[in-house]
Amino acid sequence: MAMEYEFIGQFRKYKDEDTCGWNFLFMPQDLAKEIRAMHKHQEEGWGRMKVTAKIGGSEWKTSIWFDTKNDTYLLPIKAEIRKKEKIEMEIGNEIKTTIWV
């Protein structure tokens, strides 16, 4: 049975030498620590964990990645979902999100 987690995540630009400054929804660190403590055994390579995500009326299967630099999970938001839910990808915007792990 999947566990449900609801949170308000913040869009931030992730920049390092391997990315082109991609935008992700950053999970609050306290929630990320709780999820990692309970579900770390489900992580695959590079801290990837399969989840179902929901924003507004859109629900989709995706993955979150644990980022050691920021000590939290990152959730990418597909362009299709951003358009459908009219999500502005401006740095600092906060989005109410639900995931099931």
N, C-alpha and C. Protein backbone atom coordinates (compact mmCIF):
# COMPACT_ATOMS: atom_id res chain seq x y z
N MET A 1 0.84 -1.17 0.00
CA MET A 1 0.00 0.00 0.00
C MET A 1 0.89 1.25 0.00
N ALA A 2 0.60 2.15 -0.92
CA ALA A 2 1.40 3.37 -1.03
C ALA A 2 1.05 4.35 0.08
N MET A 3 2.07 5.07 0.54
CA MET A 3 1.86 6.10 1.56
C MET A 3 1.73 7.45 0.86
N GLU A 4 0.80 8.26 1.34
CA GLU A 4 0.53 9.57 0.75
C GLU A 4 1.24 10.67 1.53
N TYR A 5 1.86 11.59 0.78
CA TYR A 5 2.53 12.73 1.38
C TYR A 5 2.08 13.99 0.63
N GLU A 6 1.59 14.96 1.37
CA GLU A 6 1.17 16.23 0.77
C GLU A 6 2.13 17.32 1.24
N PHE A 7 2.52 18.19 0.33
CA PHE A 7 3.47 19.24 0.69
C PHE A 7 3.34 20.42 -0.26
N ILE A 8 3.93 21.51 0.15
CA ILE A 8 4.06 22.67 -0.72
C ILE A 8 5.53 22.75 -1.09
N GLY A 9 5.80 22.54 -2.36
CA GLY A 9 7.18 22.57 -2.85
C GLY A 9 7.47 23.88 -3.54
N GLN A 10 8.74 24.19 -3.66
CA GLN A 10 9.16 25.45 -4.25
C GLN A 10 9.98 25.18 -5.51
N PHE A 11 9.65 25.90 -6.58
CA PHE A 11 10.45 25.80 -7.80
C PHE A 11 11.78 26.47 -7.59
N ARG A 12 12.82 25.77 -7.98
CA ARG A 12 14.17 26.33 -7.95
C ARG A 12 14.90 25.84 -9.18
N LYS A 13 15.90 26.57 -9.55
CA LYS A 13 16.75 26.17 -10.67
C LYS A 13 17.87 25.32 -10.10
N TYR A 14 18.07 24.15 -10.69
CA TYR A 14 19.15 23.26 -10.26
C TYR A 14 20.28 23.45 -11.24
N LYS A 15 21.41 23.90 -10.76
CA LYS A 15 22.54 24.17 -11.63
C LYS A 15 23.79 23.47 -11.14
N ASP A 16 24.38 22.71 -12.00
CA ASP A 16 25.71 22.16 -11.75
C ASP A 16 26.33 21.89 -13.12
N GLU A 17 27.50 21.33 -13.13
CA GLU A 17 28.19 21.13 -14.40
C GLU A 17 27.51 20.11 -15.30
N ASP A 18 26.63 19.25 -14.75
CA ASP A 18 25.99 18.22 -15.55
C ASP A 18 24.60 18.60 -16.05
N THR A 19 24.05 19.72 -15.59
CA THR A 19 22.71 20.11 -16.04
C THR A 19 22.77 21.46 -16.73
N CYS A 20 21.68 21.79 -17.35
CA CYS A 20 21.58 23.08 -18.05
C CYS A 20 20.73 24.05 -17.25
N GLY A 21 20.73 23.91 -15.93
CA GLY A 21 19.93 24.80 -15.12
C GLY A 21 18.46 24.40 -15.14
N TRP A 22 18.16 23.12 -15.05
CA TRP A 22 16.79 22.63 -15.08
C TRP A 22 16.00 23.12 -13.87
N ASN A 23 14.70 23.24 -14.04
CA ASN A 23 13.81 23.63 -12.94
C ASN A 23 13.15 22.40 -12.34
N PHE A 24 13.12 22.35 -11.02
CA PHE A 24 12.50 21.25 -10.29
C PHE A 24 11.67 21.82 -9.16
N LEU A 25 10.75 21.01 -8.69
CA LEU A 25 10.04 21.33 -7.46
C LEU A 25 10.85 20.70 -6.33
N PHE A 26 11.30 21.51 -5.40
CA PHE A 26 12.09 21.03 -4.27
C PHE A 26 11.16 20.72 -3.10
N MET A 27 11.26 19.52 -2.57
CA MET A 27 10.45 19.09 -1.44
C MET A 27 11.00 19.72 -0.15
N PRO A 28 10.15 20.06 0.81
CA PRO A 28 10.66 20.54 2.10
C PRO A 28 11.61 19.49 2.71
N GLN A 29 12.72 19.95 3.28
CA GLN A 29 13.74 19.03 3.79
C GLN A 29 13.23 18.11 4.89
N ASP A 30 12.39 18.59 5.78
CA ASP A 30 11.90 17.73 6.86
C ASP A 30 11.08 16.57 6.31
N LEU A 31 10.27 16.83 5.29
CA LEU A 31 9.48 15.76 4.67
C LEU A 31 10.39 14.80 3.91
N ALA A 32 11.37 15.33 3.20
CA ALA A 32 12.31 14.49 2.46
C ALA A 32 13.04 13.53 3.40
N LYS A 33 13.44 14.04 4.57
CA LYS A 33 14.12 13.18 5.55
C LYS A 33 13.20 12.07 6.04
N GLU A 34 11.93 12.41 6.28
CA GLU A 34 10.96 11.40 6.72
C GLU A 34 10.76 10.33 5.65
N ILE A 35 10.58 10.76 4.41
CA ILE A 35 10.38 9.81 3.31
C ILE A 35 11.61 8.94 3.13
N ARG A 36 12.78 9.55 3.18
CA ARG A 36 14.01 8.78 2.99
C ARG A 36 14.21 7.76 4.12
N ALA A 37 13.87 8.14 5.34
CA ALA A 37 14.02 7.22 6.47
C ALA A 37 13.10 6.02 6.31
N MET A 38 11.91 6.23 5.77
CA MET A 38 10.94 5.14 5.65
C MET A 38 11.04 4.35 4.35
N HIS A 39 11.54 4.98 3.28
CA HIS A 39 11.47 4.36 1.96
C HIS A 39 12.79 4.26 1.22
N LYS A 40 13.90 4.54 1.87
CA LYS A 40 15.20 4.53 1.19
C LYS A 40 15.45 3.20 0.47
N HIS A 41 14.94 2.12 1.01
CA HIS A 41 15.12 0.80 0.39
C HIS A 41 14.48 0.73 -1.01
N GLN A 42 13.60 1.68 -1.34
CA GLN A 42 12.95 1.69 -2.65
C GLN A 42 13.73 2.51 -3.68
N GLU A 43 14.78 3.20 -3.22
CA GLU A 43 15.56 4.01 -4.15
C GLU A 43 16.32 3.12 -5.12
N GLU A 44 16.41 3.60 -6.34
CA GLU A 44 17.19 2.93 -7.37
C GLU A 44 18.46 3.76 -7.59
N GLY A 45 19.13 3.61 -8.70
CA GLY A 45 20.35 4.36 -8.96
C GLY A 45 20.18 5.86 -8.83
N TRP A 46 21.20 6.54 -8.32
CA TRP A 46 21.25 7.99 -8.15
C TRP A 46 20.17 8.53 -7.22
N GLY A 47 19.68 7.72 -6.30
CA GLY A 47 18.67 8.18 -5.34
C GLY A 47 17.30 8.35 -5.94
N ARG A 48 17.04 7.69 -7.05
CA ARG A 48 15.75 7.79 -7.74
C ARG A 48 14.72 6.89 -7.07
N MET A 49 13.53 7.44 -6.88
CA MET A 49 12.43 6.67 -6.29
C MET A 49 11.17 6.89 -7.12
N LYS A 50 10.53 5.81 -7.52
CA LYS A 50 9.30 5.91 -8.30
C LYS A 50 8.14 6.33 -7.40
N VAL A 51 7.35 7.28 -7.89
CA VAL A 51 6.20 7.79 -7.15
C VAL A 51 5.06 8.07 -8.13
N THR A 52 3.89 8.29 -7.57
CA THR A 52 2.78 8.88 -8.32
C THR A 52 2.63 10.28 -7.75
N ALA A 53 2.49 11.27 -8.62
CA ALA A 53 2.38 12.66 -8.19
C ALA A 53 1.04 13.23 -8.64
N LYS A 54 0.57 14.24 -7.90
CA LYS A 54 -0.67 14.91 -8.26
C LYS A 54 -0.54 16.40 -7.96
N ILE A 55 -0.89 17.19 -8.95
CA ILE A 55 -0.99 18.64 -8.80
C ILE A 55 -2.32 19.03 -9.42
N GLY A 56 -3.16 19.71 -8.65
CA GLY A 56 -4.48 20.08 -9.15
C GLY A 56 -5.25 18.82 -9.53
N GLY A 57 -5.77 18.79 -10.75
CA GLY A 57 -6.52 17.63 -11.23
C GLY A 57 -5.68 16.65 -12.01
N SER A 58 -4.38 16.87 -12.09
CA SER A 58 -3.48 16.02 -12.88
C SER A 58 -2.71 15.07 -11.99
N GLU A 59 -2.74 13.81 -12.36
CA GLU A 59 -2.00 12.77 -11.64
C GLU A 59 -1.18 11.99 -12.64
N TRP A 60 0.09 11.69 -12.30
CA TRP A 60 0.95 10.97 -13.23
C TRP A 60 2.01 10.18 -12.47
N LYS A 61 2.55 9.17 -13.14
CA LYS A 61 3.64 8.36 -12.60
C LYS A 61 4.95 9.04 -12.99
N THR A 62 5.86 9.14 -12.03
CA THR A 62 7.13 9.81 -12.25
C THR A 62 8.14 9.29 -11.23
N SER A 63 9.20 10.01 -11.05
CA SER A 63 10.21 9.68 -10.04
C SER A 63 10.66 10.95 -9.36
N ILE A 64 11.12 10.78 -8.13
CA ILE A 64 11.79 11.87 -7.42
C ILE A 64 13.24 11.43 -7.27
N TRP A 65 14.15 12.41 -7.17
CA TRP A 65 15.57 12.12 -7.02
C TRP A 65 16.07 12.79 -5.76
N PHE A 66 16.85 12.04 -4.95
CA PHE A 66 17.42 12.65 -3.76
C PHE A 66 18.69 13.40 -4.16
N ASP A 67 18.73 14.67 -3.80
CA ASP A 67 19.86 15.53 -4.10
C ASP A 67 20.65 15.77 -2.83
N THR A 68 21.87 15.24 -2.77
CA THR A 68 22.67 15.37 -1.56
C THR A 68 23.14 16.80 -1.32
N LYS A 69 23.30 17.59 -2.38
CA LYS A 69 23.74 18.99 -2.21
C LYS A 69 22.69 19.82 -1.47
N ASN A 70 21.42 19.56 -1.76
CA ASN A 70 20.33 20.32 -1.16
C ASN A 70 19.61 19.55 -0.07
N ASP A 71 20.00 18.29 0.15
CA ASP A 71 19.45 17.43 1.20
C ASP A 71 17.92 17.31 1.11
N THR A 72 17.45 17.09 -0.12
CA THR A 72 16.02 16.92 -0.34
C THR A 72 15.76 16.17 -1.64
N TYR A 73 14.51 15.80 -1.85
CA TYR A 73 14.11 15.19 -3.12
C TYR A 73 13.69 16.27 -4.09
N LEU A 74 13.95 16.02 -5.37
CA LEU A 74 13.56 16.91 -6.46
C LEU A 74 12.49 16.22 -7.29
N LEU A 75 11.45 16.96 -7.63
CA LEU A 75 10.35 16.43 -8.45
C LEU A 75 10.29 17.21 -9.75
N PRO A 76 10.57 16.54 -10.89
CA PRO A 76 10.41 17.23 -12.17
C PRO A 76 8.92 17.29 -12.52
N ILE A 77 8.51 18.38 -13.15
CA ILE A 77 7.12 18.54 -13.57
C ILE A 77 7.08 18.57 -15.09
N LYS A 78 6.40 17.58 -15.69
CA LYS A 78 6.31 17.50 -17.15
C LYS A 78 5.67 18.75 -17.74
N ALA A 79 6.10 19.09 -18.96
CA ALA A 79 5.52 20.24 -19.66
C ALA A 79 4.01 20.08 -19.81
N GLU A 80 3.57 18.87 -20.10
CA GLU A 80 2.14 18.59 -20.25
C GLU A 80 1.36 18.97 -18.99
N ILE A 81 1.91 18.64 -17.83
CA ILE A 81 1.25 18.96 -16.55
C ILE A 81 1.32 20.47 -16.30
N ARG A 82 2.46 21.07 -16.57
CA ARG A 82 2.60 22.52 -16.37
C ARG A 82 1.56 23.28 -17.19
N LYS A 83 1.36 22.87 -18.43
CA LYS A 83 0.39 23.53 -19.30
C LYS A 83 -1.03 23.30 -18.81
N LYS A 84 -1.35 22.06 -18.54
CA LYS A 84 -2.71 21.71 -18.11
C LYS A 84 -3.11 22.41 -16.82
N GLU A 85 -2.18 22.51 -15.88
CA GLU A 85 -2.46 23.11 -14.57
C GLU A 85 -2.08 24.60 -14.50
N LYS A 86 -1.63 25.14 -15.65
CA LYS A 86 -1.25 26.56 -15.74
C LYS A 86 -0.22 26.94 -14.67
N ILE A 87 0.83 26.13 -14.59
CA ILE A 87 1.89 26.34 -13.60
C ILE A 87 2.95 27.25 -14.19
N GLU A 88 3.23 28.33 -13.51
CA GLU A 88 4.30 29.24 -13.91
C GLU A 88 5.62 28.72 -13.35
N MET A 89 6.60 28.54 -14.20
CA MET A 89 7.89 28.00 -13.79
C MET A 89 8.82 29.12 -13.36
N GLU A 90 8.34 29.99 -12.50
CA GLU A 90 9.19 31.06 -12.00
C GLU A 90 9.84 30.62 -10.69
N ILE A 91 11.11 30.88 -10.57
CA ILE A 91 11.87 30.49 -9.39
C ILE A 91 11.20 31.08 -8.14
N GLY A 92 10.98 30.23 -7.14
CA GLY A 92 10.37 30.66 -5.89
C GLY A 92 8.88 30.38 -5.81
N ASN A 93 8.22 30.12 -6.95
CA ASN A 93 6.79 29.78 -6.90
C ASN A 93 6.59 28.53 -6.06
N GLU A 94 5.53 28.52 -5.27
CA GLU A 94 5.21 27.37 -4.43
C GLU A 94 3.99 26.66 -4.98
N ILE A 95 4.06 25.34 -5.01
CA ILE A 95 3.01 24.52 -5.60
C ILE A 95 2.58 23.44 -4.62
N LYS A 96 1.28 23.33 -4.37
CA LYS A 96 0.75 22.27 -3.52
C LYS A 96 0.77 20.96 -4.31
N THR A 97 1.37 19.96 -3.73
CA THR A 97 1.61 18.69 -4.42
C THR A 97 1.33 17.52 -3.49
N THR A 98 0.87 16.43 -4.08
CA THR A 98 0.72 15.17 -3.34
C THR A 98 1.52 14.11 -4.08
N ILE A 99 2.25 13.30 -3.33
CA ILE A 99 2.91 12.14 -3.93
C ILE A 99 2.54 10.90 -3.14
N TRP A 100 2.57 9.77 -3.84
CA TRP A 100 2.37 8.48 -3.21
C TRP A 100 3.63 7.66 -3.46
N VAL A 101 4.21 7.15 -2.38
CA VAL A 101 5.43 6.35 -2.44
C VAL A 101 5.06 4.91 -2.15
